[in-house]
């Protein structure tokens, strides 16, 4: 069964860094490989990283030896485009990064350089000064997000400031289908992931921990298929236990790598006692 439905949330951690650079009243955007939001240009990115594997007016995709990165650009002026920032077309507005090596959140913050906020299903750490956030899953860093600082919010396009956005990440949902049927969905999933420069989050649900353990094996098989047949880097797909549900179900979700639509938040239901 295929479905596009409202966004569900997963028990993830978001970490943010508060790094003071310069005076106490000045915040400076965190850089990644010399690339700085609202300052660097597409030409700077290509000079530092070389040609991208995929590029549009909105973003460039890089599959580097130790990281996967999506660099996003301002694609049009505020009065025409309506979204983004008051910067020249082609200016970097965000960088999303997936580390390929296992890294712990402690690498990215220490002492009092961050503020922690406890969410309902985990901990939410975020920065409103230097624009950097770090997402972890089971203690391992899964996404780094480099964005403009809180003080730079005044540079957002007015239309963006006045709007709110909903994201619908679920591409497919299915239950007990044959592998041939599942393969068709996975092929489409991989194609969409590539075209959109997204990452994948496969969520499994089931009526018991035993049922979910079996589904987890199937989800791992899907993850392996995406890597071997779909050409999707293994670090680009997460497999998550979504908790209790009356029927065994698998969801194939798409999320951006950093930027809007990156955060994956789900509050799983516990198994009935």
Protein backbone atom coordinates (compact mmCIF):
# COMPACT_ATOMS: atom_id res chain seq x y z
CA UNK A 1 0.00 0.00 0.00
CA UNK A 2 1.39 3.43 -0.93
CA UNK A 3 0.54 6.55 1.00
CA UNK A 4 1.60 10.14 1.45
CA UNK A 5 0.49 11.22 4.92
CA UNK A 6 1.24 13.71 7.64
CA UNK A 7 4.63 13.84 9.20
CA UNK A 8 5.33 11.48 12.06
CA UNK A 9 8.13 12.02 14.53
CA UNK A 10 11.02 9.78 15.66
CA UNK A 11 13.03 9.76 18.86
CA UNK A 12 16.08 11.60 17.64
CA UNK A 13 18.49 13.93 19.31
CA UNK A 14 19.36 17.33 17.92
CA UNK A 15 22.50 18.90 19.24
CA UNK A 16 23.44 22.53 18.85
CA UNK A 17 26.59 24.37 19.43
CA UNK A 18 26.99 27.82 20.96
CA UNK A 19 30.46 29.03 20.03
CA UNK A 20 31.35 32.59 20.87
CA UNK A 21 33.63 34.19 18.32
CA UNK A 22 34.67 37.81 18.62
CA UNK A 23 32.88 39.92 21.23
CA UNK A 24 30.28 38.62 23.63
CA UNK A 25 27.51 40.32 21.65
CA UNK A 26 28.56 39.01 18.26
CA UNK A 27 27.78 35.57 16.86
CA UNK A 28 29.55 34.24 13.80
CA UNK A 29 28.21 31.44 11.62
CA UNK A 30 30.07 28.16 11.89
CA UNK A 31 32.06 27.23 8.79
CA UNK A 32 32.38 23.84 7.11
CA UNK A 33 35.51 23.28 5.03
CA UNK A 34 35.84 27.04 4.64
CA UNK A 35 32.23 27.42 3.43
CA UNK A 36 30.14 29.92 5.39
CA UNK A 37 26.36 30.49 5.08
CA UNK A 38 25.33 33.91 3.72
CA UNK A 39 28.93 34.65 2.76
CA UNK A 40 30.37 31.94 0.49
CA UNK A 41 29.29 31.62 -3.15
CA UNK A 42 28.84 28.73 -5.56
CA UNK A 43 32.22 29.65 -7.06
CA UNK A 44 33.79 29.38 -3.59
CA UNK A 45 32.23 25.95 -3.10
CA UNK A 46 33.52 24.65 -6.42
CA UNK A 47 36.96 26.08 -5.72
CA UNK A 48 37.11 24.34 -2.33
CA UNK A 49 35.35 21.05 -3.16
CA UNK A 50 35.65 20.73 -6.91
CA UNK A 51 32.79 19.77 -9.24
CA UNK A 52 29.73 18.25 -7.58
CA UNK A 53 28.17 14.88 -8.41
CA UNK A 54 24.80 16.58 -8.85
CA UNK A 55 23.76 20.20 -9.08
CA UNK A 56 20.69 22.41 -9.57
CA UNK A 57 20.17 26.17 -9.09
CA UNK A 58 19.10 25.32 -5.53
CA UNK A 59 21.77 22.88 -4.34
CA UNK A 60 24.87 20.81 -5.06
CA UNK A 61 25.45 17.23 -3.87
CA UNK A 62 28.90 15.98 -2.88
CA UNK A 63 29.88 12.40 -2.05
CA UNK A 64 33.24 12.96 -0.39
CA UNK A 65 35.57 10.27 1.02
CA UNK A 66 34.51 10.91 4.63
CA UNK A 67 31.25 12.85 4.28
CA UNK A 68 28.12 13.30 2.20
CA UNK A 69 27.16 16.94 1.80
CA UNK A 70 24.40 19.05 0.28
CA UNK A 71 25.23 22.73 -0.17
CA UNK A 72 22.17 24.93 -0.72
CA UNK A 73 22.13 28.26 -2.54
CA UNK A 74 19.84 31.25 -2.80
CA UNK A 75 18.11 30.56 -6.12
CA UNK A 76 16.41 33.91 -6.70
CA UNK A 77 15.88 37.40 -5.26
CA UNK A 78 13.42 37.80 -2.39
CA UNK A 79 10.94 39.87 -4.41
CA UNK A 80 10.69 37.13 -7.05
CA UNK A 81 11.56 33.92 -5.23
CA UNK A 82 9.87 34.74 -1.92
CA UNK A 83 11.90 32.24 0.09
CA UNK A 84 15.35 32.20 1.60
CA UNK A 85 17.57 35.13 2.40
CA UNK A 86 18.37 38.69 1.32
CA UNK A 87 21.62 37.74 -0.38
CA UNK A 88 22.78 37.63 -4.01
CA UNK A 89 21.66 34.68 -6.11
CA UNK A 90 24.17 31.85 -5.81
CA UNK A 91 25.12 32.60 -2.20
CA UNK A 92 25.36 29.62 0.16
CA UNK A 93 22.45 29.58 2.63
CA UNK A 94 22.87 26.17 4.26
CA UNK A 95 25.14 23.13 4.34
CA UNK A 96 23.94 19.68 5.44
CA UNK A 97 26.51 16.97 6.15
CA UNK A 98 26.30 13.22 6.87
CA UNK A 99 29.52 11.85 8.43
CA UNK A 100 30.58 8.44 7.10
CA UNK A 101 32.63 7.54 10.18
CA UNK A 102 30.98 7.01 13.56
CA UNK A 103 31.25 10.18 15.61
CA UNK A 104 29.91 11.03 19.06
CA UNK A 105 28.21 14.30 19.89
CA UNK A 106 30.95 15.11 22.41
CA UNK A 107 33.25 15.89 19.49
CA UNK A 108 31.14 18.93 18.66
CA UNK A 109 30.51 20.53 22.03
CA UNK A 110 32.03 20.76 25.48
CA UNK A 111 31.46 22.49 28.80
CA UNK A 112 28.89 25.28 28.69
CA UNK A 113 29.13 25.91 24.95
CA UNK A 114 25.68 24.43 24.39
CA UNK A 115 22.21 24.50 25.90
CA UNK A 116 20.25 21.31 26.34
CA UNK A 117 16.46 21.05 26.28
CA UNK A 118 14.69 17.84 27.13
CA UNK A 119 12.08 16.76 24.60
CA UNK A 120 9.23 14.37 25.35
CA UNK A 121 11.01 11.39 23.85
CA UNK A 122 14.65 12.37 24.20
CA UNK A 123 16.94 15.34 24.38
CA UNK A 124 16.92 18.29 22.04
CA UNK A 125 20.11 20.33 21.88
CA UNK A 126 20.18 23.37 19.68
CA UNK A 127 22.06 26.57 18.99
CA UNK A 128 20.44 29.90 18.28
CA UNK A 129 23.72 31.78 17.95
CA UNK A 130 26.18 30.20 15.55
CA UNK A 131 23.59 28.37 13.45
CA UNK A 132 25.02 24.87 13.82
CA UNK A 133 22.95 21.87 14.90
CA UNK A 134 23.88 18.23 15.26
CA UNK A 135 21.47 15.31 15.03
CA UNK A 136 22.33 12.01 16.68
CA UNK A 137 20.61 8.63 16.62
CA UNK A 138 21.52 6.16 19.38
CA UNK A 139 24.40 8.39 20.37
CA UNK A 140 25.94 8.53 16.90
CA UNK A 141 26.02 11.74 14.88
CA UNK A 142 23.82 11.38 11.80
CA UNK A 143 23.53 14.93 10.42
CA UNK A 144 25.43 18.20 10.86
CA UNK A 145 23.58 21.34 9.82
CA UNK A 146 25.33 24.65 9.15
CA UNK A 147 22.93 27.59 8.86
CA UNK A 148 22.88 31.37 9.39
CA UNK A 149 23.07 32.64 12.96
CA UNK A 150 20.16 33.85 15.08
CA UNK A 151 21.32 37.44 14.66
CA UNK A 152 21.11 36.99 10.88
CA UNK A 153 17.41 36.09 10.98
CA UNK A 154 16.63 39.70 10.04
CA UNK A 155 18.08 38.89 6.62
CA UNK A 156 15.40 36.32 5.81
CA UNK A 157 13.04 37.08 2.95
CA UNK A 158 9.84 38.69 4.36
CA UNK A 159 7.59 36.03 2.81
CA UNK A 160 9.52 33.30 4.61
CA UNK A 161 9.29 35.13 7.93
CA UNK A 162 5.50 35.32 7.65
CA UNK A 163 4.91 31.71 6.54
CA UNK A 164 4.92 28.36 8.19
CA UNK A 165 5.71 25.08 6.45
CA UNK A 166 4.50 21.51 6.76
CA UNK A 167 6.55 18.56 5.59
CA UNK A 168 5.19 15.20 4.52
CA UNK A 169 8.18 12.85 4.41
CA UNK A 170 6.40 9.52 3.93
CA UNK A 171 6.74 8.27 0.36
CA UNK A 172 5.51 4.69 0.81
CA UNK A 173 3.89 2.56 3.48
CA UNK A 174 3.33 -1.17 3.14
CA UNK A 175 2.64 -4.28 5.15
CA UNK A 176 2.99 -7.91 4.05
CA UNK A 177 3.95 -7.73 0.37
CA UNK A 178 6.27 -9.83 -1.77
CA UNK A 179 9.89 -8.83 -2.23
CA UNK A 180 9.17 -8.16 -5.90
CA UNK A 181 6.52 -5.61 -4.90
CA UNK A 182 8.80 -4.17 -2.25
CA UNK A 183 11.63 -3.91 -4.77
CA UNK A 184 9.49 -1.71 -7.04
CA UNK A 185 8.93 0.67 -4.15
CA UNK A 186 12.60 0.64 -3.20
CA UNK A 187 13.63 1.45 -6.78
CA UNK A 188 11.28 4.44 -6.75
CA UNK A 189 12.51 5.39 -3.27
CA UNK A 190 16.13 5.43 -4.46
CA UNK A 191 15.22 7.48 -7.54
CA UNK A 192 13.38 10.08 -5.47
CA UNK A 193 16.20 10.21 -2.95
CA UNK A 194 18.72 10.93 -5.68
CA UNK A 195 16.62 13.46 -7.56
CA UNK A 196 15.80 15.42 -4.41
CA UNK A 197 19.30 15.06 -2.86
CA UNK A 198 17.55 13.65 0.23
CA UNK A 199 18.30 10.97 2.80
CA UNK A 200 16.10 8.05 3.72
CA UNK A 201 14.56 7.01 7.02
CA UNK A 202 12.99 3.54 7.07
CA UNK A 203 10.64 3.18 10.04
CA UNK A 204 9.24 -0.16 11.19
CA UNK A 205 6.17 -0.66 13.39
CA UNK A 206 4.73 -3.82 14.89
CA UNK A 207 2.46 -5.28 17.57
CA UNK A 208 5.37 -6.58 19.68
CA UNK A 209 9.13 -6.36 20.07
CA UNK A 210 9.40 -9.83 18.51
CA UNK A 211 7.41 -8.76 15.46
CA UNK A 212 9.52 -5.63 15.09
CA UNK A 213 12.71 -7.66 15.33
CA UNK A 214 11.58 -9.60 12.25
CA UNK A 215 10.64 -6.38 10.48
CA UNK A 216 14.03 -4.92 11.35
CA UNK A 217 15.69 -7.75 9.39
CA UNK A 218 13.50 -6.91 6.41
CA UNK A 219 14.31 -3.21 6.72
CA UNK A 220 18.03 -4.01 6.84
CA UNK A 221 17.59 -6.04 3.68
CA UNK A 222 15.91 -3.02 2.07
CA UNK A 223 18.78 -0.80 3.19
CA UNK A 224 21.27 -3.23 1.65
CA UNK A 225 19.26 -3.35 -1.59
CA UNK A 226 19.26 0.45 -1.79
CA UNK A 227 23.05 0.46 -1.48
CA UNK A 228 23.80 -2.40 -3.86
CA UNK A 229 21.12 -1.90 -6.51
CA UNK A 230 19.96 1.67 -6.01
CA UNK A 231 23.38 3.28 -5.65
CA UNK A 232 22.44 4.93 -2.35
CA UNK A 233 25.30 5.38 0.11
CA UNK A 234 24.65 3.26 3.23
CA UNK A 235 25.19 6.24 5.54
CA UNK A 236 22.37 8.01 3.77
CA UNK A 237 19.65 5.67 5.07
CA UNK A 238 18.62 5.15 8.70
CA UNK A 239 16.56 2.22 9.94
CA UNK A 240 14.45 3.04 13.00
CA UNK A 241 12.13 1.12 15.32
CA UNK A 242 8.99 3.27 15.39
CA UNK A 243 7.42 1.35 18.27
CA UNK A 244 4.02 -0.24 18.75
CA UNK A 245 1.38 -0.47 16.07
CA UNK A 246 -1.43 -2.98 15.76
CA UNK A 247 -0.18 -4.21 12.38
CA UNK A 248 3.35 -4.79 11.13
CA UNK A 249 4.18 -1.86 8.86
CA UNK A 250 7.18 -0.40 7.05
CA UNK A 251 7.45 3.26 6.08
CA UNK A 252 9.85 4.71 3.54
CA UNK A 253 10.43 8.36 4.41
CA UNK A 254 12.42 11.12 2.71
CA UNK A 255 14.13 13.93 4.61
CA UNK A 256 16.51 16.61 3.49
CA UNK A 257 20.17 16.50 4.45
CA UNK A 258 20.22 19.56 6.68
CA UNK A 259 17.99 22.58 6.12
CA UNK A 260 14.20 22.65 6.13
CA UNK A 261 12.69 19.19 6.35
CA UNK A 262 15.79 17.59 7.84
CA UNK A 263 14.57 17.01 11.37
CA UNK A 264 12.96 13.63 11.98
CA UNK A 265 10.82 13.54 15.11
CA UNK A 266 8.64 10.66 16.19
CA UNK A 267 7.34 9.70 19.61
CA UNK A 268 6.94 5.90 19.53
CA UNK A 269 4.11 4.18 21.38
CA UNK A 270 5.08 1.59 23.97
CA UNK A 271 3.88 -1.99 23.69
CA UNK A 272 0.68 -2.64 25.68
CA UNK A 273 1.24 -4.39 28.99
